[in-house]
Amino acid sequence: MAAKEYEVVIKLVANKHPCHAGLKIGDEWAFDYSPPQRMCGFAYNAIFPFALVLKTGGTFPWQQDPDVVRATCPDEDVQNIFEIHRREKK
């Protein structure tokens, strides 16, 4: 049986202060295993595992919706909050 394929979209939904790398609330992009321009490596490393799990069909036990998870960047001054969504590829 072939594994399902998923598209994953990451969106910046909130932060405590403006992002030092220039990301703005509402910015979103399709996850393709590479960080988008203007994203610092620290934030990308924090969200990559979550995006990869959703892309490959996994879930997290704390998720109310198995297709959505939130993750934050490690910069305590900025605290970017990213929402990661998946949907089946058509």
N, C-alpha and C. Protein backbone atom coordinates (compact mmCIF):
# COMPACT_ATOMS: atom_id res chain seq x y z
N MET A 1 0.84 -1.19 0.00
CA MET A 1 0.00 0.00 0.00
C MET A 1 0.89 1.25 0.00
N ALA A 2 0.60 2.16 -0.88
CA ALA A 2 1.39 3.39 -0.99
C ALA A 2 1.05 4.34 0.15
N ALA A 3 2.06 5.01 0.65
CA ALA A 3 1.86 6.00 1.70
C ALA A 3 1.15 7.23 1.14
N LYS A 4 0.32 7.85 1.95
CA LYS A 4 -0.33 9.08 1.52
C LYS A 4 0.69 10.18 1.41
N GLU A 5 0.46 11.08 0.49
CA GLU A 5 1.33 12.24 0.34
C GLU A 5 0.57 13.47 0.79
N TYR A 6 1.24 14.34 1.51
CA TYR A 6 0.61 15.54 2.05
C TYR A 6 1.34 16.79 1.61
N GLU A 7 0.59 17.85 1.43
CA GLU A 7 1.14 19.19 1.26
C GLU A 7 1.11 19.85 2.63
N VAL A 8 2.15 20.58 2.96
CA VAL A 8 2.22 21.25 4.24
C VAL A 8 2.46 22.74 4.01
N VAL A 9 1.67 23.55 4.70
CA VAL A 9 1.79 25.01 4.61
C VAL A 9 2.09 25.53 6.01
N ILE A 10 3.06 26.43 6.09
CA ILE A 10 3.47 27.04 7.35
C ILE A 10 3.10 28.52 7.30
N LYS A 11 2.50 29.02 8.38
CA LYS A 11 2.07 30.42 8.42
C LYS A 11 2.47 31.02 9.76
N LEU A 12 3.02 32.24 9.71
CA LEU A 12 3.31 32.98 10.94
C LEU A 12 2.01 33.62 11.41
N VAL A 13 1.53 33.21 12.59
CA VAL A 13 0.22 33.67 13.06
C VAL A 13 0.29 34.68 14.20
N ALA A 14 1.41 34.76 14.89
CA ALA A 14 1.51 35.71 16.01
C ALA A 14 2.97 35.84 16.43
N ASN A 15 3.25 36.93 17.14
CA ASN A 15 4.55 37.09 17.80
C ASN A 15 4.44 38.14 18.89
N LYS A 16 5.42 38.14 19.77
CA LYS A 16 5.46 39.08 20.89
C LYS A 16 6.01 40.44 20.43
N HIS A 17 7.01 40.40 19.56
CA HIS A 17 7.66 41.59 18.99
C HIS A 17 8.00 41.29 17.53
N PRO A 18 8.25 42.31 16.72
CA PRO A 18 8.61 42.06 15.32
C PRO A 18 9.81 41.12 15.19
N CYS A 19 9.77 40.30 14.18
CA CYS A 19 10.82 39.32 13.91
C CYS A 19 12.09 40.03 13.45
N HIS A 20 13.23 39.63 14.01
CA HIS A 20 14.52 40.22 13.63
C HIS A 20 14.88 39.89 12.18
N ALA A 21 14.35 38.78 11.67
CA ALA A 21 14.67 38.37 10.30
C ALA A 21 13.72 38.97 9.27
N GLY A 22 12.70 39.68 9.74
CA GLY A 22 11.80 40.36 8.81
C GLY A 22 10.51 39.64 8.48
N LEU A 23 10.26 38.48 9.09
CA LEU A 23 8.98 37.81 8.85
C LEU A 23 7.85 38.64 9.44
N LYS A 24 6.72 38.63 8.77
CA LYS A 24 5.55 39.40 9.21
C LYS A 24 4.39 38.44 9.47
N ILE A 25 3.54 38.79 10.43
CA ILE A 25 2.35 38.00 10.69
C ILE A 25 1.55 37.91 9.39
N GLY A 26 1.14 36.70 9.07
CA GLY A 26 0.42 36.45 7.81
C GLY A 26 1.30 35.84 6.74
N ASP A 27 2.63 35.95 6.86
CA ASP A 27 3.52 35.31 5.89
C ASP A 27 3.30 33.81 5.92
N GLU A 28 3.23 33.19 4.75
CA GLU A 28 3.09 31.74 4.70
C GLU A 28 3.81 31.20 3.48
N TRP A 29 4.13 29.92 3.54
CA TRP A 29 4.83 29.27 2.45
C TRP A 29 4.59 27.77 2.53
N ALA A 30 4.79 27.11 1.39
CA ALA A 30 4.69 25.65 1.31
C ALA A 30 6.00 25.05 1.81
N PHE A 31 5.91 24.06 2.64
CA PHE A 31 7.08 23.36 3.16
C PHE A 31 7.66 22.49 2.05
N ASP A 32 8.95 22.71 1.74
CA ASP A 32 9.62 21.91 0.71
C ASP A 32 11.01 21.47 1.18
N TYR A 33 11.16 21.33 2.47
CA TYR A 33 12.40 20.89 3.12
C TYR A 33 13.48 21.95 3.16
N SER A 34 13.25 23.13 2.62
CA SER A 34 14.23 24.22 2.64
C SER A 34 13.59 25.44 3.30
N PRO A 35 14.37 26.22 4.04
CA PRO A 35 13.79 27.42 4.64
C PRO A 35 13.51 28.49 3.59
N PRO A 36 12.44 29.24 3.78
CA PRO A 36 12.17 30.34 2.85
C PRO A 36 13.16 31.47 3.10
N GLN A 37 13.26 32.37 2.14
CA GLN A 37 14.10 33.56 2.35
C GLN A 37 13.58 34.32 3.55
N ARG A 38 14.46 35.00 4.23
CA ARG A 38 14.15 35.83 5.40
C ARG A 38 13.85 35.01 6.65
N MET A 39 14.02 33.71 6.64
CA MET A 39 13.81 32.94 7.86
C MET A 39 15.15 32.56 8.45
N CYS A 40 15.32 32.86 9.72
CA CYS A 40 16.59 32.50 10.36
C CYS A 40 16.65 31.00 10.60
N GLY A 41 17.84 30.49 10.69
CA GLY A 41 18.04 29.05 10.89
C GLY A 41 17.49 28.55 12.20
N PHE A 42 17.51 29.38 13.23
CA PHE A 42 17.00 28.94 14.53
C PHE A 42 15.50 28.66 14.48
N ALA A 43 14.75 29.56 13.87
CA ALA A 43 13.30 29.35 13.75
C ALA A 43 13.02 28.14 12.86
N TYR A 44 13.75 28.03 11.75
CA TYR A 44 13.51 26.91 10.85
C TYR A 44 13.81 25.58 11.53
N ASN A 45 14.89 25.52 12.28
CA ASN A 45 15.22 24.29 13.00
C ASN A 45 14.17 23.93 14.03
N ALA A 46 13.50 24.92 14.60
CA ALA A 46 12.45 24.67 15.59
C ALA A 46 11.18 24.11 14.95
N ILE A 47 10.84 24.57 13.74
CA ILE A 47 9.59 24.12 13.12
C ILE A 47 9.75 22.94 12.18
N PHE A 48 10.97 22.69 11.71
CA PHE A 48 11.21 21.61 10.74
C PHE A 48 10.68 20.25 11.22
N PRO A 49 10.97 19.81 12.45
CA PRO A 49 10.47 18.48 12.86
C PRO A 49 8.95 18.37 12.82
N PHE A 50 8.25 19.44 13.19
CA PHE A 50 6.79 19.42 13.18
C PHE A 50 6.27 19.31 11.74
N ALA A 51 6.84 20.10 10.84
CA ALA A 51 6.43 20.06 9.45
C ALA A 51 6.71 18.70 8.83
N LEU A 52 7.85 18.12 9.15
CA LEU A 52 8.21 16.82 8.61
C LEU A 52 7.25 15.73 9.09
N VAL A 53 6.89 15.76 10.35
CA VAL A 53 5.94 14.77 10.88
C VAL A 53 4.61 14.87 10.15
N LEU A 54 4.08 16.10 9.99
CA LEU A 54 2.81 16.25 9.28
C LEU A 54 2.94 15.82 7.82
N LYS A 55 4.04 16.17 7.18
CA LYS A 55 4.25 15.83 5.77
C LYS A 55 4.23 14.32 5.55
N THR A 56 4.73 13.58 6.51
CA THR A 56 4.83 12.12 6.36
C THR A 56 3.66 11.37 7.01
N GLY A 57 2.63 12.09 7.45
CA GLY A 57 1.42 11.43 7.94
C GLY A 57 1.34 11.22 9.43
N GLY A 58 2.33 11.69 10.17
CA GLY A 58 2.32 11.51 11.61
C GLY A 58 1.44 12.53 12.32
N THR A 59 1.25 12.32 13.61
CA THR A 59 0.48 13.23 14.45
C THR A 59 1.18 13.39 15.79
N PHE A 60 0.69 14.33 16.58
CA PHE A 60 1.20 14.56 17.92
C PHE A 60 0.04 14.34 18.90
N PRO A 61 0.29 13.74 20.06
CA PRO A 61 -0.81 13.39 20.97
C PRO A 61 -1.56 14.60 21.53
N TRP A 62 -0.98 15.77 21.53
CA TRP A 62 -1.64 16.94 22.08
C TRP A 62 -2.48 17.71 21.07
N GLN A 63 -2.44 17.31 19.81
CA GLN A 63 -3.20 18.00 18.78
C GLN A 63 -4.68 17.70 18.89
N GLN A 64 -5.50 18.75 18.86
CA GLN A 64 -6.94 18.53 18.77
C GLN A 64 -7.31 18.19 17.34
N ASP A 65 -6.65 18.85 16.39
CA ASP A 65 -6.85 18.58 14.96
C ASP A 65 -5.58 17.88 14.46
N PRO A 66 -5.67 16.66 13.97
CA PRO A 66 -4.46 15.94 13.56
C PRO A 66 -3.74 16.56 12.36
N ASP A 67 -4.36 17.53 11.70
CA ASP A 67 -3.76 18.16 10.53
C ASP A 67 -3.17 19.54 10.82
N VAL A 68 -3.15 19.96 12.08
CA VAL A 68 -2.65 21.29 12.45
C VAL A 68 -1.84 21.18 13.73
N VAL A 69 -0.69 21.84 13.73
CA VAL A 69 0.13 21.94 14.94
C VAL A 69 0.76 23.33 14.97
N ARG A 70 1.03 23.83 16.15
CA ARG A 70 1.72 25.12 16.31
C ARG A 70 3.10 24.89 16.89
N ALA A 71 4.04 25.73 16.47
CA ALA A 71 5.41 25.68 16.96
C ALA A 71 5.92 27.11 17.08
N THR A 72 6.87 27.33 17.97
CA THR A 72 7.42 28.67 18.17
C THR A 72 8.92 28.68 17.89
N CYS A 73 9.39 29.88 17.53
CA CYS A 73 10.84 30.05 17.36
C CYS A 73 11.45 30.17 18.76
N PRO A 74 12.74 29.91 18.89
CA PRO A 74 13.37 29.94 20.20
C PRO A 74 13.77 31.33 20.69
N ASP A 75 13.58 32.37 19.91
CA ASP A 75 13.96 33.72 20.32
C ASP A 75 12.93 34.23 21.33
N GLU A 76 13.32 34.29 22.58
CA GLU A 76 12.36 34.67 23.62
C GLU A 76 11.88 36.10 23.52
N ASP A 77 12.63 36.96 22.85
CA ASP A 77 12.19 38.34 22.66
C ASP A 77 11.11 38.46 21.60
N VAL A 78 11.18 37.62 20.57
CA VAL A 78 10.25 37.69 19.44
C VAL A 78 9.08 36.73 19.62
N GLN A 79 9.39 35.48 19.89
CA GLN A 79 8.39 34.42 20.07
C GLN A 79 7.43 34.30 18.88
N ASN A 80 7.99 34.13 17.69
CA ASN A 80 7.14 33.87 16.53
C ASN A 80 6.37 32.58 16.76
N ILE A 81 5.09 32.59 16.45
CA ILE A 81 4.26 31.39 16.54
C ILE A 81 3.84 31.02 15.13
N PHE A 82 4.18 29.81 14.74
CA PHE A 82 3.88 29.31 13.41
C PHE A 82 2.78 28.25 13.51
N GLU A 83 1.83 28.32 12.59
CA GLU A 83 0.81 27.29 12.48
C GLU A 83 1.14 26.47 11.25
N ILE A 84 1.19 25.17 11.43
CA ILE A 84 1.58 24.25 10.37
C ILE A 84 0.36 23.39 10.03
N HIS A 85 -0.07 23.47 8.77
CA HIS A 85 -1.26 22.74 8.29
C HIS A 85 -0.85 21.72 7.24
N ARG A 86 -1.59 20.63 7.19
CA ARG A 86 -1.38 19.68 6.09
C ARG A 86 -2.71 19.34 5.44
N ARG A 87 -2.61 18.94 4.18
CA ARG A 87 -3.78 18.42 3.45
C ARG A 87 -3.25 17.38 2.46
N GLU A 88 -4.10 16.44 2.13
CA GLU A 88 -3.68 15.39 1.19
C GLU A 88 -3.41 15.98 -0.18
N LYS A 89 -2.36 15.50 -0.82
CA LYS A 89 -2.08 15.91 -2.19
C LYS A 89 -3.13 15.31 -3.10
N LYS A 90 -3.50 16.07 -4.10
CA LYS A 90 -4.52 15.58 -5.05
C LYS A 90 -3.89 15.12 -6.32
